[in-house]
Amino acid sequence: MSEMLYPINPNRSVPWNNLPLLPIRKELYQTIEILEKLGDFLLTHKITTLKNQKSEIYQHTKQNIVIIQVFAL
């Protein structure tokens, strides 16, 4: 365990590698392609959520109709 697997950064005020400083420029991540994919994801998520809610409403309505029919007898 005495052998070092990786070197230690001697100057901790300087980045160890050539990573860009944060925050990065918006031009690098706010591109049309990324925004289109984000829009597609949000639309798909919203549609899935609505389908799940529709299914739950249908099941509750179906259960309520059965209960009403039982009380009617």
N, C-alpha and C. Protein backbone atom coordinates (compact mmCIF):
# COMPACT_ATOMS: atom_id res chain seq x y z
N MET A 1 0.82 -1.19 0.00
CA MET A 1 0.00 0.00 0.00
C MET A 1 0.86 1.25 0.00
N SER A 2 2.16 1.11 0.12
CA SER A 2 3.04 2.27 0.13
C SER A 2 3.21 2.85 -1.27
N GLU A 3 2.93 2.06 -2.29
CA GLU A 3 3.06 2.55 -3.66
C GLU A 3 1.87 3.45 -4.00
N MET A 4 2.16 4.65 -4.54
CA MET A 4 1.09 5.59 -4.90
C MET A 4 0.50 5.19 -6.24
N LEU A 5 -0.81 5.11 -6.29
CA LEU A 5 -1.48 4.71 -7.53
C LEU A 5 -1.61 5.87 -8.50
N TYR A 6 -1.64 7.08 -7.97
CA TYR A 6 -1.73 8.27 -8.82
C TYR A 6 -1.03 9.42 -8.10
N PRO A 7 -0.49 10.36 -8.86
CA PRO A 7 0.23 11.48 -8.23
C PRO A 7 -0.73 12.46 -7.57
N ILE A 8 -0.25 13.14 -6.58
CA ILE A 8 -1.04 14.15 -5.87
C ILE A 8 -0.75 15.50 -6.49
N ASN A 9 -1.79 16.31 -6.61
CA ASN A 9 -1.63 17.65 -7.17
C ASN A 9 -0.86 18.51 -6.16
N PRO A 10 0.31 18.99 -6.53
CA PRO A 10 1.10 19.78 -5.58
C PRO A 10 0.53 21.18 -5.33
N ASN A 11 -0.13 21.76 -6.32
CA ASN A 11 -0.67 23.11 -6.17
C ASN A 11 -2.19 23.02 -6.24
N ARG A 12 -2.85 23.10 -5.10
CA ARG A 12 -4.30 22.91 -5.05
C ARG A 12 -5.09 24.12 -5.50
N SER A 13 -4.43 25.21 -5.82
CA SER A 13 -5.13 26.39 -6.33
C SER A 13 -5.27 26.34 -7.85
N VAL A 14 -4.63 25.38 -8.48
CA VAL A 14 -4.67 25.23 -9.94
C VAL A 14 -5.33 23.88 -10.24
N PRO A 15 -6.23 23.83 -11.23
CA PRO A 15 -6.84 22.54 -11.58
C PRO A 15 -5.79 21.51 -11.98
N TRP A 16 -6.06 20.27 -11.66
CA TRP A 16 -5.12 19.21 -11.97
C TRP A 16 -5.07 18.92 -13.47
N ASN A 17 -6.20 19.05 -14.12
CA ASN A 17 -6.24 18.77 -15.56
C ASN A 17 -6.74 20.02 -16.28
N ASN A 18 -7.07 19.91 -17.53
CA ASN A 18 -7.46 21.06 -18.34
C ASN A 18 -8.97 21.23 -18.42
N LEU A 19 -9.67 20.97 -17.34
CA LEU A 19 -11.12 21.17 -17.34
C LEU A 19 -11.44 22.65 -17.40
N PRO A 20 -12.53 23.03 -18.09
CA PRO A 20 -12.89 24.45 -18.14
C PRO A 20 -13.38 24.93 -16.78
N LEU A 21 -13.23 26.21 -16.54
CA LEU A 21 -13.71 26.79 -15.30
C LEU A 21 -15.23 26.79 -15.30
N LEU A 22 -15.82 26.64 -14.13
CA LEU A 22 -17.27 26.66 -14.01
C LEU A 22 -17.71 28.04 -13.59
N PRO A 23 -18.86 28.52 -13.96
CA PRO A 23 -19.82 27.89 -14.86
C PRO A 23 -19.37 28.02 -16.31
N ILE A 24 -19.72 27.01 -17.08
CA ILE A 24 -19.32 27.01 -18.48
C ILE A 24 -20.23 27.94 -19.28
N ARG A 25 -19.79 28.30 -20.46
CA ARG A 25 -20.56 29.22 -21.30
C ARG A 25 -21.85 28.56 -21.76
N LYS A 26 -22.93 29.33 -21.80
CA LYS A 26 -24.24 28.79 -22.20
C LYS A 26 -24.23 28.28 -23.63
N GLU A 27 -23.39 28.86 -24.47
CA GLU A 27 -23.35 28.42 -25.88
C GLU A 27 -22.95 26.95 -26.00
N LEU A 28 -22.25 26.43 -25.00
CA LEU A 28 -21.79 25.05 -25.07
C LEU A 28 -22.88 24.04 -24.76
N TYR A 29 -23.88 24.45 -23.98
CA TYR A 29 -24.92 23.48 -23.62
C TYR A 29 -26.31 23.92 -24.03
N GLN A 30 -26.51 25.15 -24.44
CA GLN A 30 -27.83 25.58 -24.89
C GLN A 30 -27.83 25.63 -26.42
N THR A 31 -27.84 24.45 -27.01
CA THR A 31 -27.90 24.35 -28.46
C THR A 31 -29.30 23.90 -28.86
N ILE A 32 -29.62 24.09 -30.12
CA ILE A 32 -30.94 23.71 -30.62
C ILE A 32 -31.18 22.22 -30.43
N GLU A 33 -30.16 21.39 -30.72
CA GLU A 33 -30.34 19.94 -30.61
C GLU A 33 -30.66 19.54 -29.17
N ILE A 34 -29.93 20.11 -28.22
CA ILE A 34 -30.16 19.76 -26.82
C ILE A 34 -31.52 20.25 -26.36
N LEU A 35 -31.90 21.46 -26.75
CA LEU A 35 -33.20 21.98 -26.35
C LEU A 35 -34.34 21.19 -26.98
N GLU A 36 -34.16 20.72 -28.24
CA GLU A 36 -35.18 19.89 -28.88
C GLU A 36 -35.33 18.56 -28.14
N LYS A 37 -34.20 17.95 -27.77
CA LYS A 37 -34.27 16.68 -27.03
C LYS A 37 -34.90 16.88 -25.66
N LEU A 38 -34.61 18.00 -25.02
CA LEU A 38 -35.23 18.29 -23.73
C LEU A 38 -36.74 18.47 -23.90
N GLY A 39 -37.15 19.17 -24.96
CA GLY A 39 -38.57 19.34 -25.23
C GLY A 39 -39.26 18.02 -25.51
N ASP A 40 -38.61 17.15 -26.28
CA ASP A 40 -39.18 15.82 -26.56
C ASP A 40 -39.33 15.01 -25.27
N PHE A 41 -38.31 15.07 -24.41
CA PHE A 41 -38.38 14.34 -23.15
C PHE A 41 -39.52 14.86 -22.29
N LEU A 42 -39.64 16.19 -22.17
CA LEU A 42 -40.69 16.76 -21.33
C LEU A 42 -42.07 16.42 -21.87
N LEU A 43 -42.23 16.44 -23.19
CA LEU A 43 -43.51 16.09 -23.80
C LEU A 43 -43.85 14.62 -23.54
N THR A 44 -42.88 13.74 -23.72
CA THR A 44 -43.10 12.32 -23.46
C THR A 44 -43.45 12.08 -22.00
N HIS A 45 -42.75 12.76 -21.11
CA HIS A 45 -43.02 12.62 -19.67
C HIS A 45 -44.43 13.10 -19.34
N LYS A 46 -44.84 14.22 -19.92
CA LYS A 46 -46.18 14.76 -19.65
C LYS A 46 -47.25 13.82 -20.19
N ILE A 47 -47.06 13.28 -21.40
CA ILE A 47 -48.04 12.36 -21.98
C ILE A 47 -48.15 11.10 -21.12
N THR A 48 -47.01 10.57 -20.67
CA THR A 48 -47.03 9.38 -19.82
C THR A 48 -47.76 9.66 -18.51
N THR A 49 -47.51 10.82 -17.93
CA THR A 49 -48.18 11.19 -16.69
C THR A 49 -49.69 11.29 -16.90
N LEU A 50 -50.10 11.90 -18.00
CA LEU A 50 -51.53 12.03 -18.28
C LEU A 50 -52.18 10.66 -18.51
N LYS A 51 -51.47 9.76 -19.21
CA LYS A 51 -52.01 8.42 -19.43
C LYS A 51 -52.19 7.69 -18.11
N ASN A 52 -51.22 7.83 -17.20
CA ASN A 52 -51.33 7.17 -15.89
C ASN A 52 -52.49 7.75 -15.10
N GLN A 53 -52.67 9.07 -15.15
CA GLN A 53 -53.77 9.69 -14.43
C GLN A 53 -55.10 9.25 -15.02
N LYS A 54 -55.17 9.15 -16.36
CA LYS A 54 -56.39 8.71 -17.02
C LYS A 54 -56.74 7.29 -16.58
N SER A 55 -55.75 6.43 -16.50
CA SER A 55 -55.97 5.05 -16.08
C SER A 55 -56.48 5.01 -14.64
N GLU A 56 -55.89 5.83 -13.76
CA GLU A 56 -56.33 5.86 -12.36
C GLU A 56 -57.76 6.39 -12.25
N ILE A 57 -58.08 7.43 -13.00
CA ILE A 57 -59.44 7.99 -12.97
C ILE A 57 -60.44 6.95 -13.46
N TYR A 58 -60.09 6.23 -14.54
CA TYR A 58 -60.97 5.21 -15.09
C TYR A 58 -61.21 4.11 -14.05
N GLN A 59 -60.15 3.67 -13.38
CA GLN A 59 -60.30 2.60 -12.39
C GLN A 59 -61.16 3.06 -11.22
N HIS A 60 -60.96 4.31 -10.75
CA HIS A 60 -61.77 4.82 -9.65
C HIS A 60 -63.23 4.95 -10.07
N THR A 61 -63.46 5.43 -11.29
CA THR A 61 -64.82 5.58 -11.79
C THR A 61 -65.49 4.22 -11.89
N LYS A 62 -64.77 3.24 -12.40
CA LYS A 62 -65.32 1.89 -12.54
C LYS A 62 -65.66 1.32 -11.16
N GLN A 63 -64.81 1.53 -10.17
CA GLN A 63 -65.08 1.05 -8.82
C GLN A 63 -66.29 1.76 -8.23
N ASN A 64 -66.41 3.06 -8.47
CA ASN A 64 -67.55 3.81 -7.94
C ASN A 64 -68.86 3.35 -8.57
N ILE A 65 -68.83 3.03 -9.86
CA ILE A 65 -70.04 2.55 -10.53
C ILE A 65 -70.47 1.21 -9.93
N VAL A 66 -69.51 0.34 -9.66
CA VAL A 66 -69.83 -0.96 -9.05
C VAL A 66 -70.43 -0.73 -7.67
N ILE A 67 -69.87 0.17 -6.89
CA ILE A 67 -70.40 0.45 -5.55
C ILE A 67 -71.81 1.01 -5.64
N ILE A 68 -72.04 1.92 -6.57
CA ILE A 68 -73.38 2.50 -6.75
C ILE A 68 -74.37 1.42 -7.15
N GLN A 69 -73.97 0.50 -8.05
CA GLN A 69 -74.86 -0.57 -8.47
C GLN A 69 -75.18 -1.50 -7.30
N VAL A 70 -74.21 -1.74 -6.43
CA VAL A 70 -74.46 -2.60 -5.26
C VAL A 70 -75.45 -1.93 -4.34
N PHE A 71 -75.31 -0.62 -4.10
CA PHE A 71 -76.25 0.09 -3.24
C PHE A 71 -77.64 0.15 -3.87
N ALA A 72 -77.71 0.17 -5.19
CA ALA A 72 -79.00 0.24 -5.86
C ALA A 72 -79.78 -1.06 -5.71
N LEU A 73 -79.09 -2.16 -5.53
CA LEU A 73 -79.77 -3.45 -5.38
C LEU A 73 -80.42 -3.48 -4.02
